[in-house]
Protein backbone atom coordinates (compact mmCIF):
# COMPACT_ATOMS: atom_id res chain seq x y z
CA MET A 1 178.38 48.56 92.69
CA ALA A 2 181.60 50.90 92.39
CA GLU A 3 183.97 51.22 94.91
CA THR A 4 183.73 54.54 97.11
CA PRO A 5 186.12 56.95 95.79
CA PRO A 6 188.62 59.22 97.87
CA ARG A 7 186.69 62.20 99.47
CA ALA A 8 187.95 65.71 99.99
CA LEU A 9 186.05 68.58 101.75
CA THR A 10 185.88 72.36 100.60
CA ILE A 11 185.13 75.04 103.10
CA GLY A 12 183.90 78.13 100.90
CA GLY A 13 181.48 80.59 99.53
CA SER A 14 179.52 79.79 96.28
CA ASP A 15 179.73 81.31 92.92
CA SER A 16 176.21 81.64 91.36
CA GLY A 17 178.05 81.49 88.00
CA GLY A 18 179.39 78.53 88.45
CA ALA A 19 183.37 79.79 87.73
CA ALA A 20 184.90 79.69 91.11
CA GLY A 21 184.16 79.38 94.74
CA ILE A 22 183.00 75.66 95.88
CA GLU A 23 181.76 75.08 92.27
CA ALA A 24 185.03 75.23 90.80
CA ASP A 25 186.30 73.01 93.52
CA LEU A 26 183.92 70.53 92.90
CA ARG A 27 184.37 70.50 89.36
CA ALA A 28 188.23 70.03 89.88
CA MET A 29 187.49 67.39 92.45
CA THR A 30 185.23 65.44 90.23
CA ALA A 31 187.47 65.74 87.15
CA CYS A 32 190.38 64.63 89.36
CA GLY A 33 188.59 61.12 90.98
CA VAL A 34 187.52 62.50 94.11
CA HIS A 35 184.21 62.92 95.79
CA GLY A 36 183.72 66.47 96.97
CA CYS A 37 182.26 67.44 100.11
CA VAL A 38 181.26 71.09 101.05
CA ALA A 39 180.97 73.56 103.83
CA MET A 40 179.48 76.65 102.60
CA THR A 41 180.80 79.76 104.19
CA ALA A 42 178.77 82.20 102.27
CA VAL A 43 176.34 82.26 99.16
CA THR A 44 177.49 85.19 96.55
CA VAL A 45 175.54 87.02 93.96
CA GLN A 46 177.87 86.39 91.32
CA ASN A 47 178.30 86.19 87.30
CA SER A 48 181.03 86.67 84.84
CA LEU A 49 181.19 90.48 85.83
CA GLY A 50 181.84 90.07 89.47
CA VAL A 51 180.21 89.83 92.73
CA SER A 52 177.01 92.24 93.47
CA GLY A 53 175.91 90.71 97.04
CA VAL A 54 177.12 88.38 99.84
CA HIS A 55 174.88 86.46 102.37
CA LEU A 56 177.14 84.99 105.25
CA VAL A 57 176.30 81.49 106.83
CA PRO A 58 176.60 81.67 110.89
CA PRO A 59 179.93 80.27 112.03
CA GLU A 60 178.35 77.86 114.22
CA THR A 61 176.53 76.42 111.03
CA VAL A 62 179.75 76.36 109.19
CA ALA A 63 181.38 74.40 111.73
CA ALA A 64 178.61 71.99 111.95
CA GLN A 65 178.73 71.20 108.27
CA VAL A 66 182.56 70.24 108.44
CA ARG A 67 181.69 68.21 111.66
CA ALA A 68 178.59 66.57 110.10
CA VAL A 69 180.91 65.45 107.02
CA VAL A 70 184.20 64.37 108.75
CA THR A 71 182.28 62.30 111.40
CA ASP A 72 180.29 60.32 109.07
CA ILE A 73 181.97 60.39 105.61
CA GLY A 74 185.60 60.87 106.36
CA VAL A 75 187.79 63.04 104.11
CA GLY A 76 191.37 62.55 103.19
CA ALA A 77 192.20 66.17 102.82
CA ALA A 78 190.30 69.52 103.10
CA LYS A 79 190.79 73.22 101.80
CA THR A 80 189.42 76.45 102.29
CA GLY A 81 188.35 79.02 100.01
CA MET A 82 186.17 82.16 100.91
CA LEU A 83 185.98 82.41 104.61
CA ALA A 84 184.70 85.87 104.71
CA THR A 85 185.00 86.83 108.38
CA ALA A 86 187.08 86.47 111.55
CA GLY A 87 184.06 84.63 113.13
CA ILE A 88 183.99 82.34 110.40
CA ILE A 89 187.68 81.78 110.40
CA GLU A 90 187.77 81.11 114.17
CA ALA A 91 184.93 78.77 113.88
CA VAL A 92 186.67 76.64 111.22
CA ALA A 93 190.14 76.76 113.15
CA GLY A 94 188.12 75.40 116.01
CA VAL A 95 186.14 72.51 114.21
CA VAL A 96 189.41 71.26 111.80
CA ASP A 97 191.19 70.65 115.50
CA GLU A 98 188.22 68.96 116.86
CA VAL A 99 187.83 66.55 113.66
CA GLY A 100 191.62 66.11 112.83
CA ILE A 101 192.40 68.02 110.06
CA GLY A 102 195.57 70.29 109.98
CA ARG A 103 199.21 70.52 109.41
CA GLU A 104 200.51 67.15 110.65
CA THR A 105 196.96 65.12 110.41
CA THR A 106 194.56 64.96 107.59
CA PRO A 107 196.26 67.35 105.19
CA PHE A 108 194.72 71.29 105.16
CA VAL A 109 195.35 73.36 102.38
CA LEU A 110 194.60 76.97 103.07
CA ASP A 111 193.67 78.94 99.98
CA PRO A 112 192.98 82.22 101.53
CA VAL A 113 190.93 84.08 99.08
CA ALA A 114 191.91 87.53 100.34
CA ALA A 115 192.41 89.42 97.05
CA SER A 116 190.42 89.26 94.26
CA MET A 117 191.82 88.24 90.50
CA TYR A 118 192.16 92.11 90.09
CA GLY A 119 194.36 92.47 93.34
CA GLU A 120 191.57 94.35 95.52
CA PRO A 121 191.31 93.20 99.19
CA LEU A 122 188.42 90.76 99.95
CA LEU A 123 188.76 90.85 103.75
CA ALA A 124 188.71 93.25 106.74
CA GLU A 125 192.00 93.37 108.60
CA ASP A 126 190.58 91.57 111.56
CA ALA A 127 189.71 88.55 109.11
CA MET A 128 193.19 88.97 107.51
CA GLU A 129 194.98 88.53 110.93
CA ALA A 130 192.82 85.71 111.88
CA ILE A 131 193.99 83.77 109.01
CA ARG A 132 197.60 84.80 109.78
CA THR A 133 197.46 83.88 113.38
CA LEU A 134 194.69 80.59 113.08
CA LEU A 135 194.77 78.94 109.73
CA PHE A 136 198.62 79.36 108.86
CA PRO A 137 199.74 77.57 111.56
CA ARG A 138 197.04 74.98 110.82
CA ALA A 139 197.73 74.71 107.12
CA ALA A 140 200.03 71.57 105.42
CA LEU A 141 200.01 73.74 102.57
CA ALA A 142 199.17 77.38 101.66
CA THR A 143 198.28 78.64 97.96
CA PRO A 144 197.92 82.15 98.27
CA ASN A 145 198.05 84.31 94.97
CA LEU A 146 200.83 86.96 94.57
CA ASP A 147 198.34 89.85 95.82
CA GLU A 148 197.37 87.74 98.78
CA ILE A 149 201.07 87.25 99.56
CA ARG A 150 201.60 91.02 99.86
CA LEU A 151 198.72 91.71 101.97
CA LEU A 152 199.07 88.69 104.26
CA ALA A 153 203.04 88.36 104.53
CA GLY A 154 204.04 91.64 102.97
CA VAL A 155 206.21 90.39 100.52
CA THR A 156 205.74 91.79 96.74
CA VAL A 157 207.04 88.84 94.31
CA THR A 158 208.72 89.93 91.21
CA ASP A 159 211.09 87.35 90.38
CA ARG A 160 212.39 83.84 91.34
CA ASP A 161 214.38 85.54 94.14
CA THR A 162 211.37 87.43 95.78
CA ALA A 163 209.14 84.17 95.16
CA ARG A 164 211.68 82.41 97.49
CA LYS A 165 211.47 85.35 99.96
CA ALA A 166 207.58 84.89 99.61
CA ALA A 167 207.82 81.16 100.57
CA ASP A 168 210.09 81.93 103.60
CA ALA A 169 207.62 84.51 104.88
CA LEU A 170 204.63 82.02 104.34
CA HIS A 171 206.50 79.27 106.28
CA ASP A 172 207.17 82.07 109.28
CA LEU A 173 203.45 82.44 109.23
CA GLY A 174 203.12 78.68 110.11
CA ALA A 175 202.46 76.82 106.79
CA ARG A 176 204.64 73.53 106.44
CA TRP A 177 204.40 73.81 102.90
CA ALA A 178 203.91 77.04 100.40
CA LEU A 179 203.20 77.41 97.06
CA VAL A 180 203.84 80.57 95.38
CA LYS A 181 201.92 80.84 92.26
CA GLY A 182 203.51 82.88 89.42
CA GLY A 183 199.98 82.88 87.00
CA HIS A 184 199.61 86.78 87.98
CA LEU A 185 203.39 87.65 87.20
CA HIS A 186 203.03 89.08 83.65
CA GLY A 187 205.98 89.88 81.38
CA SER A 188 207.36 86.35 80.55
CA PRO A 189 206.22 83.58 78.28
CA GLU A 190 206.67 81.20 81.33
CA VAL A 191 204.63 80.59 84.37
CA VAL A 192 206.69 79.32 87.44
CA ASP A 193 205.12 78.09 90.56
CA LEU A 194 207.45 77.41 93.34
CA LEU A 195 206.77 74.83 96.30
CA SER A 196 208.98 74.87 99.29
CA ASP A 197 209.10 73.17 102.49
CA GLY A 198 211.28 75.67 104.04
CA THR A 199 214.25 73.67 103.23
CA ASP A 200 214.19 72.52 99.71
CA THR A 201 212.24 73.89 96.37
CA TRP A 202 210.54 72.57 93.50
CA GLU A 203 209.79 74.61 90.54
CA PHE A 204 206.92 73.89 88.22
CA THR A 205 207.20 75.58 84.92
CA GLY A 206 205.10 75.73 81.82
CA PRO A 207 204.00 78.19 78.92
CA ARG A 208 201.88 80.93 79.39
CA ILE A 209 198.59 80.34 78.03
CA ASP A 210 197.17 83.36 75.86
CA THR A 211 193.77 83.48 77.30
CA PRO A 212 191.63 85.98 79.26
CA HIS A 213 189.30 83.51 80.78
CA VAL A 214 191.10 82.34 83.88
CA HIS A 215 188.40 82.56 86.41
CA GLY A 216 188.59 80.02 89.24
CA ALA A 217 192.14 79.22 88.34
CA GLY A 218 193.32 79.53 91.85
CA ASP A 219 190.30 77.58 93.12
CA ALA A 220 191.01 74.87 90.72
CA LEU A 221 194.63 74.26 91.46
CA ALA A 222 194.36 74.11 95.41
CA SER A 223 191.45 72.01 94.57
CA ALA A 224 193.39 69.37 92.34
CA THR A 225 196.00 69.53 95.05
CA CYS A 226 193.92 68.65 97.63
CA ALA A 227 192.33 65.95 95.71
CA GLY A 228 195.80 64.52 94.80
CA LEU A 229 196.22 64.68 98.72
CA ALA A 230 193.14 63.07 99.21
CA ARG A 231 194.22 60.09 97.01
CA GLY A 232 197.41 59.83 99.10
CA LEU A 233 200.18 61.51 97.12
CA PRO A 234 202.95 63.11 99.13
CA MET A 235 202.71 66.84 98.79
CA PRO A 236 205.25 67.46 95.75
CA GLU A 237 203.51 64.91 93.90
CA ALA A 238 200.15 66.04 94.78
CA VAL A 239 201.31 69.66 93.48
CA ALA A 240 202.71 68.16 90.29
CA TYR A 241 199.48 66.39 89.95
CA ALA A 242 197.37 69.58 89.95
CA GLU A 243 199.87 71.57 88.06
CA ARG A 244 199.08 69.28 85.22
CA TYR A 245 195.45 69.72 85.75
CA ILE A 246 195.54 73.20 85.68
CA ARG A 247 197.39 73.52 82.56
CA ARG A 248 194.90 71.57 80.81
CA ALA A 249 192.26 73.31 82.55
CA VAL A 250 193.52 76.80 81.50
CA ALA A 251 193.98 75.61 77.77
CA ALA A 252 190.25 74.51 77.70
CA SER A 253 188.95 77.55 79.38
CA TYR A 254 186.17 79.17 77.75
CA PRO A 255 184.00 82.71 77.45
CA LEU A 256 181.14 83.06 79.51
CA GLY A 257 178.62 85.87 80.05
CA ALA A 258 180.01 89.20 79.38
CA GLY A 259 183.16 89.06 81.61
CA THR A 260 185.68 86.69 82.40
CA GLY A 261 185.07 82.78 81.72
CA PRO A 262 186.22 79.91 83.46
CA VAL A 263 189.17 77.20 83.28
CA SER A 264 187.52 74.00 82.61
CA PRO A 265 187.53 70.44 83.72
CA LEU A 266 185.50 69.26 80.88
CA TRP A 267 188.71 68.08 78.96
CA ALA A 268 188.67 65.25 81.52
CA ILE A 269 185.10 64.04 81.16
CA ALA A 270 184.24 61.24 78.74
CA ASP A 271 182.06 62.24 75.65
CA TRP A 272 178.46 60.94 76.64
CA ASP A 273 177.12 62.11 73.08
CA ALA A 274 175.30 59.02 71.53
């Protein structure tokens, strides 16, 4: 019988197309050698062209899922994705305190999912404010995309200097560590992601991969980081591990449907063909 692997928890919404959301989280966690558990916040009607419907899970059911997983199975790290409403955010903040997930305890990765890959806001302002006031102060790491940084922290990132200002703004909201991702900053042959603990910074640089198929990239990067933390890596090493993973996942991305295809974990999976 195999040894039980490290466990991690994703708290977020589903993607019926299998490219983003908790499906992307589980794909990345599995590829990174971690057993992924789920607290679902919403069921989306979604394909490669976008989201056409959402059914929300009651906040008390979201909290109950977190409680059930952590008190029985246990997790080495947790992350959020789509939380959808202020009520769900409040329930998540309460239950992570209850079960010992947070900034200084079992690592809590905040991927705020406040803007789409095209930059449109995805949350009402009361939910944005709940993320600022309830989740950032509990986050070991915050991983917003550039549009989410603009919406949540009021900083527009255009270069390395403004990336550092953005990291400072995310610390001011309460996150212990901040990862400012440069994937949406087009016009450069390189992608530079900046990790900061408020004093020191680490830069992760790689070539920009020429593909339109990057659906789920932010989810996958946060999930791979969460997996690294669940495996006991310190934050800079967990982020470096996730950066290596996401570059290979973007390089292995594939078309799907008539729209944007997903980044892929399939490069990490053995060939089972007989």
